[in-house]
N, C-alpha and C. Protein backbone atom coordinates (compact mmCIF):
# COMPACT_ATOMS: atom_id res chain seq x y z
N MET A 1 -106.06 75.29 -65.33
CA MET A 1 -104.67 74.95 -65.59
C MET A 1 -104.03 74.23 -64.41
N ASP A 2 -104.67 74.29 -63.23
CA ASP A 2 -104.14 73.59 -62.06
C ASP A 2 -104.10 72.08 -62.31
N LYS A 3 -105.11 71.57 -63.02
CA LYS A 3 -105.13 70.15 -63.36
C LYS A 3 -103.95 69.78 -64.25
N LEU A 4 -103.65 70.66 -65.19
CA LEU A 4 -102.54 70.41 -66.11
C LEU A 4 -101.21 70.36 -65.36
N ALA A 5 -101.01 71.29 -64.45
CA ALA A 5 -99.78 71.30 -63.65
C ALA A 5 -99.68 70.04 -62.80
N ASN A 6 -100.79 69.60 -62.25
CA ASN A 6 -100.82 68.38 -61.44
C ASN A 6 -100.46 67.17 -62.30
N LEU A 7 -101.00 67.09 -63.51
CA LEU A 7 -100.69 65.98 -64.40
C LEU A 7 -99.22 65.99 -64.80
N GLN A 8 -98.69 67.18 -65.08
CA GLN A 8 -97.27 67.28 -65.43
C GLN A 8 -96.40 66.82 -64.26
N TYR A 9 -96.76 67.21 -63.06
CA TYR A 9 -96.01 66.80 -61.87
C TYR A 9 -96.06 65.27 -61.71
N GLN A 10 -97.25 64.71 -61.88
CA GLN A 10 -97.40 63.25 -61.76
C GLN A 10 -96.57 62.53 -62.81
N LEU A 11 -96.60 63.03 -64.05
CA LEU A 11 -95.82 62.41 -65.11
C LEU A 11 -94.32 62.46 -64.79
N HIS A 12 -93.88 63.60 -64.33
CA HIS A 12 -92.46 63.76 -63.98
C HIS A 12 -92.08 62.81 -62.84
N THR A 13 -92.90 62.76 -61.81
CA THR A 13 -92.62 61.91 -60.65
C THR A 13 -92.58 60.43 -61.05
N LEU A 14 -93.57 60.01 -61.83
CA LEU A 14 -93.63 58.61 -62.24
C LEU A 14 -92.48 58.25 -63.18
N THR A 15 -92.13 59.15 -64.06
CA THR A 15 -91.01 58.89 -64.98
C THR A 15 -89.71 58.76 -64.21
N THR A 16 -89.50 59.64 -63.25
CA THR A 16 -88.30 59.57 -62.41
C THR A 16 -88.26 58.25 -61.64
N GLU A 17 -89.37 57.88 -61.08
CA GLU A 17 -89.46 56.62 -60.31
C GLU A 17 -89.21 55.41 -61.22
N ASN A 18 -89.72 55.48 -62.43
CA ASN A 18 -89.52 54.40 -63.40
C ASN A 18 -88.04 54.27 -63.76
N ASP A 19 -87.36 55.39 -63.94
CA ASP A 19 -85.92 55.38 -64.23
C ASP A 19 -85.15 54.75 -63.06
N ARG A 20 -85.52 55.12 -61.86
CA ARG A 20 -84.87 54.54 -60.68
C ARG A 20 -85.13 53.04 -60.60
N GLY A 21 -86.34 52.64 -61.01
CA GLY A 21 -86.70 51.22 -61.00
C GLY A 21 -85.83 50.41 -61.96
N ALA A 22 -85.52 50.99 -63.12
CA ALA A 22 -84.66 50.30 -64.08
C ALA A 22 -83.27 50.08 -63.49
N ASP A 23 -82.75 51.09 -62.82
CA ASP A 23 -81.44 50.94 -62.17
C ASP A 23 -81.48 49.91 -61.05
N ALA A 24 -82.55 49.95 -60.26
CA ALA A 24 -82.70 48.99 -59.16
C ALA A 24 -82.83 47.57 -59.70
N LEU A 25 -83.54 47.41 -60.81
CA LEU A 25 -83.69 46.08 -61.40
C LEU A 25 -82.35 45.55 -61.87
N TYR A 26 -81.55 46.40 -62.49
CA TYR A 26 -80.21 45.98 -62.93
C TYR A 26 -79.39 45.50 -61.72
N GLU A 27 -79.38 46.28 -60.67
CA GLU A 27 -78.62 45.92 -59.47
C GLU A 27 -79.13 44.60 -58.88
N ALA A 28 -80.44 44.43 -58.85
CA ALA A 28 -81.02 43.19 -58.32
C ALA A 28 -80.65 42.00 -59.19
N GLU A 29 -80.63 42.19 -60.50
CA GLU A 29 -80.27 41.09 -61.39
C GLU A 29 -78.79 40.73 -61.26
N VAL A 30 -77.94 41.71 -61.02
CA VAL A 30 -76.52 41.42 -60.78
C VAL A 30 -76.37 40.62 -59.49
N LYS A 31 -77.07 41.04 -58.44
CA LYS A 31 -77.02 40.30 -57.17
C LYS A 31 -77.53 38.88 -57.36
N LEU A 32 -78.59 38.72 -58.15
CA LEU A 32 -79.13 37.39 -58.42
C LEU A 32 -78.12 36.53 -59.16
N ALA A 33 -77.45 37.10 -60.14
CA ALA A 33 -76.43 36.34 -60.88
C ALA A 33 -75.31 35.89 -59.96
N HIS A 34 -74.87 36.76 -59.07
CA HIS A 34 -73.82 36.39 -58.11
C HIS A 34 -74.32 35.29 -57.17
N ALA A 35 -75.55 35.40 -56.72
CA ALA A 35 -76.12 34.39 -55.82
C ALA A 35 -76.23 33.03 -56.52
N GLU A 36 -76.64 33.04 -57.79
CA GLU A 36 -76.73 31.78 -58.55
C GLU A 36 -75.35 31.17 -58.76
N HIS A 37 -74.37 32.02 -59.03
CA HIS A 37 -73.00 31.54 -59.20
C HIS A 37 -72.49 30.91 -57.90
N GLU A 38 -72.72 31.58 -56.80
CA GLU A 38 -72.31 31.07 -55.49
C GLU A 38 -72.98 29.73 -55.19
N LEU A 39 -74.27 29.64 -55.48
CA LEU A 39 -75.01 28.39 -55.25
C LEU A 39 -74.41 27.27 -56.09
N ASP A 40 -74.15 27.54 -57.36
CA ASP A 40 -73.57 26.51 -58.23
C ASP A 40 -72.22 26.04 -57.70
N LEU A 41 -71.39 26.97 -57.29
CA LEU A 41 -70.07 26.60 -56.77
C LEU A 41 -70.18 25.72 -55.53
N ILE A 42 -70.98 26.14 -54.59
CA ILE A 42 -71.12 25.39 -53.34
C ILE A 42 -71.70 24.00 -53.61
N GLU A 43 -72.73 23.95 -54.45
CA GLU A 43 -73.39 22.67 -54.72
C GLU A 43 -72.45 21.71 -55.46
N GLN A 44 -71.74 22.22 -56.44
CA GLN A 44 -70.82 21.34 -57.20
C GLN A 44 -69.65 20.86 -56.34
N LYS A 45 -69.09 21.75 -55.54
CA LYS A 45 -67.99 21.35 -54.65
C LYS A 45 -68.46 20.30 -53.65
N ALA A 46 -69.66 20.50 -53.12
CA ALA A 46 -70.21 19.54 -52.15
C ALA A 46 -70.47 18.20 -52.83
N PHE A 47 -70.94 18.22 -54.05
CA PHE A 47 -71.20 16.97 -54.78
C PHE A 47 -69.90 16.22 -55.01
N ILE A 48 -68.86 16.95 -55.41
CA ILE A 48 -67.57 16.31 -55.70
C ILE A 48 -66.96 15.68 -54.46
N LYS A 49 -67.06 16.35 -53.31
CA LYS A 49 -66.42 15.80 -52.11
C LYS A 49 -67.28 14.77 -51.38
N ALA A 50 -68.55 14.65 -51.74
CA ALA A 50 -69.43 13.68 -51.07
C ALA A 50 -69.11 12.26 -51.54
N GLN A 51 -69.48 11.30 -50.71
CA GLN A 51 -69.26 9.88 -51.03
C GLN A 51 -70.61 9.20 -51.12
N GLY A 52 -70.65 8.10 -51.85
CA GLY A 52 -71.88 7.32 -51.95
C GLY A 52 -72.43 7.30 -53.36
N THR A 53 -73.68 6.91 -53.46
CA THR A 53 -74.33 6.86 -54.77
C THR A 53 -74.57 8.29 -55.28
N VAL A 54 -74.95 8.38 -56.54
CA VAL A 54 -75.23 9.69 -57.13
C VAL A 54 -76.39 10.36 -56.38
N ALA A 55 -77.39 9.58 -56.03
CA ALA A 55 -78.54 10.13 -55.30
C ALA A 55 -78.10 10.66 -53.93
N ASP A 56 -77.24 9.90 -53.25
CA ASP A 56 -76.73 10.34 -51.94
C ASP A 56 -75.90 11.61 -52.08
N ARG A 57 -75.05 11.63 -53.08
CA ARG A 57 -74.19 12.79 -53.29
C ARG A 57 -75.02 14.03 -53.64
N THR A 58 -76.04 13.82 -54.45
CA THR A 58 -76.92 14.94 -54.82
C THR A 58 -77.64 15.47 -53.60
N ALA A 59 -78.17 14.57 -52.79
CA ALA A 59 -78.88 14.99 -51.58
C ALA A 59 -77.96 15.73 -50.62
N LEU A 60 -76.76 15.22 -50.41
CA LEU A 60 -75.80 15.89 -49.53
C LEU A 60 -75.40 17.26 -50.08
N ALA A 61 -75.23 17.34 -51.37
CA ALA A 61 -74.86 18.63 -51.99
C ALA A 61 -75.99 19.65 -51.82
N LYS A 62 -77.22 19.20 -51.95
CA LYS A 62 -78.35 20.10 -51.76
C LYS A 62 -78.46 20.57 -50.32
N LEU A 63 -78.21 19.67 -49.39
CA LEU A 63 -78.21 20.05 -47.97
C LEU A 63 -77.13 21.07 -47.67
N GLU A 64 -75.95 20.84 -48.19
CA GLU A 64 -74.83 21.72 -47.90
C GLU A 64 -75.01 23.10 -48.55
N SER A 65 -75.75 23.15 -49.63
CA SER A 65 -75.93 24.41 -50.35
C SER A 65 -77.27 25.09 -50.02
N ALA A 66 -77.94 24.65 -48.97
CA ALA A 66 -79.27 25.18 -48.64
C ALA A 66 -79.24 26.68 -48.35
N ASP A 67 -78.25 27.15 -47.62
CA ASP A 67 -78.18 28.59 -47.31
C ASP A 67 -77.97 29.42 -48.58
N ALA A 68 -77.10 28.93 -49.46
CA ALA A 68 -76.86 29.64 -50.72
C ALA A 68 -78.13 29.64 -51.58
N ARG A 69 -78.87 28.53 -51.54
CA ARG A 69 -80.14 28.46 -52.29
C ARG A 69 -81.14 29.46 -51.74
N LEU A 70 -81.20 29.60 -50.43
CA LEU A 70 -82.09 30.57 -49.81
C LEU A 70 -81.72 31.99 -50.26
N GLN A 71 -80.42 32.30 -50.25
CA GLN A 71 -79.97 33.62 -50.69
C GLN A 71 -80.34 33.86 -52.15
N ARG A 72 -80.19 32.85 -52.98
CA ARG A 72 -80.56 32.96 -54.39
C ARG A 72 -82.06 33.23 -54.54
N ASP A 73 -82.86 32.49 -53.77
CA ASP A 73 -84.31 32.67 -53.83
C ASP A 73 -84.74 34.05 -53.35
N LEU A 74 -84.06 34.56 -52.32
CA LEU A 74 -84.36 35.91 -51.84
C LEU A 74 -84.00 36.96 -52.88
N ARG A 75 -82.89 36.78 -53.57
CA ARG A 75 -82.49 37.71 -54.64
C ARG A 75 -83.48 37.65 -55.79
N LYS A 76 -83.96 36.45 -56.08
CA LYS A 76 -84.95 36.28 -57.14
C LYS A 76 -86.25 36.99 -56.78
N ALA A 77 -86.66 36.86 -55.52
CA ALA A 77 -87.87 37.53 -55.05
C ALA A 77 -87.71 39.05 -55.11
N GLU A 78 -86.53 39.54 -54.77
CA GLU A 78 -86.26 40.97 -54.83
C GLU A 78 -86.39 41.48 -56.26
N ALA A 79 -85.81 40.77 -57.21
CA ALA A 79 -85.88 41.18 -58.61
C ALA A 79 -87.33 41.14 -59.11
N ASN A 80 -88.07 40.11 -58.71
CA ASN A 80 -89.47 40.01 -59.12
C ASN A 80 -90.30 41.15 -58.53
N ARG A 81 -90.03 41.52 -57.30
CA ARG A 81 -90.74 42.63 -56.66
C ARG A 81 -90.48 43.93 -57.40
N ILE A 82 -89.25 44.14 -57.81
CA ILE A 82 -88.92 45.35 -58.56
C ILE A 82 -89.63 45.35 -59.91
N ARG A 83 -89.66 44.19 -60.58
CA ARG A 83 -90.39 44.09 -61.86
C ARG A 83 -91.86 44.44 -61.69
N MET A 84 -92.47 43.92 -60.62
CA MET A 84 -93.88 44.23 -60.36
C MET A 84 -94.09 45.71 -60.12
N LYS A 85 -93.19 46.33 -59.37
CA LYS A 85 -93.28 47.76 -59.08
C LYS A 85 -93.15 48.57 -60.37
N ILE A 86 -92.23 48.17 -61.25
CA ILE A 86 -92.06 48.86 -62.52
C ILE A 86 -93.33 48.76 -63.37
N LYS A 87 -93.94 47.58 -63.40
CA LYS A 87 -95.19 47.41 -64.15
C LYS A 87 -96.29 48.30 -63.59
N SER A 88 -96.34 48.41 -62.27
CA SER A 88 -97.32 49.27 -61.62
C SER A 88 -97.09 50.73 -61.99
N ILE A 89 -95.85 51.15 -61.99
CA ILE A 89 -95.52 52.53 -62.36
C ILE A 89 -95.88 52.78 -63.82
N GLU A 90 -95.59 51.82 -64.69
CA GLU A 90 -95.93 51.98 -66.11
C GLU A 90 -97.44 52.08 -66.30
N SER A 91 -98.20 51.31 -65.54
CA SER A 91 -99.67 51.41 -65.61
C SER A 91 -100.14 52.78 -65.15
N SER A 92 -99.53 53.28 -64.09
CA SER A 92 -99.88 54.61 -63.60
C SER A 92 -99.52 55.68 -64.62
N LEU A 93 -98.39 55.52 -65.28
CA LEU A 93 -97.99 56.46 -66.33
C LEU A 93 -99.03 56.48 -67.45
N MET A 94 -99.51 55.31 -67.84
CA MET A 94 -100.52 55.26 -68.90
C MET A 94 -101.81 55.92 -68.46
N ALA A 95 -102.19 55.72 -67.20
CA ALA A 95 -103.41 56.33 -66.69
C ALA A 95 -103.28 57.85 -66.66
N VAL A 96 -102.15 58.36 -66.24
CA VAL A 96 -101.94 59.80 -66.20
C VAL A 96 -101.90 60.37 -67.62
N ALA A 97 -101.28 59.65 -68.55
CA ALA A 97 -101.24 60.10 -69.94
C ALA A 97 -102.65 60.16 -70.53
N THR A 98 -103.47 59.17 -70.19
CA THR A 98 -104.85 59.18 -70.65
C THR A 98 -105.60 60.37 -70.07
N SER A 99 -105.37 60.64 -68.79
CA SER A 99 -106.00 61.81 -68.15
C SER A 99 -105.56 63.10 -68.84
N ALA A 100 -104.30 63.17 -69.22
CA ALA A 100 -103.79 64.35 -69.90
C ALA A 100 -104.46 64.53 -71.26
N LYS A 101 -104.65 63.44 -71.98
CA LYS A 101 -105.33 63.53 -73.27
C LYS A 101 -106.78 63.96 -73.10
N LEU A 102 -107.44 63.44 -72.08
CA LEU A 102 -108.82 63.85 -71.82
C LEU A 102 -108.89 65.33 -71.45
N LEU A 103 -107.96 65.79 -70.66
CA LEU A 103 -107.91 67.20 -70.29
C LEU A 103 -107.63 68.07 -71.51
N GLN A 104 -106.77 67.60 -72.37
CA GLN A 104 -106.46 68.34 -73.59
C GLN A 104 -107.71 68.46 -74.47
N ALA A 105 -108.46 67.37 -74.58
CA ALA A 105 -109.69 67.40 -75.37
C ALA A 105 -110.72 68.33 -74.72
N GLU A 106 -110.76 68.32 -73.40
CA GLU A 106 -111.68 69.19 -72.65
C GLU A 106 -111.34 70.66 -72.86
N ILE A 107 -110.05 70.97 -72.89
CA ILE A 107 -109.61 72.36 -73.09
C ILE A 107 -109.98 72.84 -74.48
N ARG A 108 -109.89 71.96 -75.48
CA ARG A 108 -110.23 72.33 -76.86
C ARG A 108 -111.69 72.70 -77.00
N LEU A 109 -112.53 72.08 -76.19
CA LEU A 109 -113.97 72.36 -76.29
C LEU A 109 -114.23 73.67 -75.65
């Protein structure tokens, strides 16, 4: 029965971690949305105030918004990392569930 208690503990731990991951993903996606909004604002304002051809204005706007773009990319990376972690936890949950089914079949024998 020690194996069963261990599997129950693992399932509980992984489920709790998965729930926390969902909350963290939401927070990361909100931060990403704010970063994208900030990037759009900075880039559009820079484009409007720039002078020259459209290509020149676009290039200047991209230069001026480089820091905001970096922040957006970092937020995107953070959200992707959380997604990967959630997938890993879900895989671990499936493995533990499979182990539990095997243990259940073993106990029946």
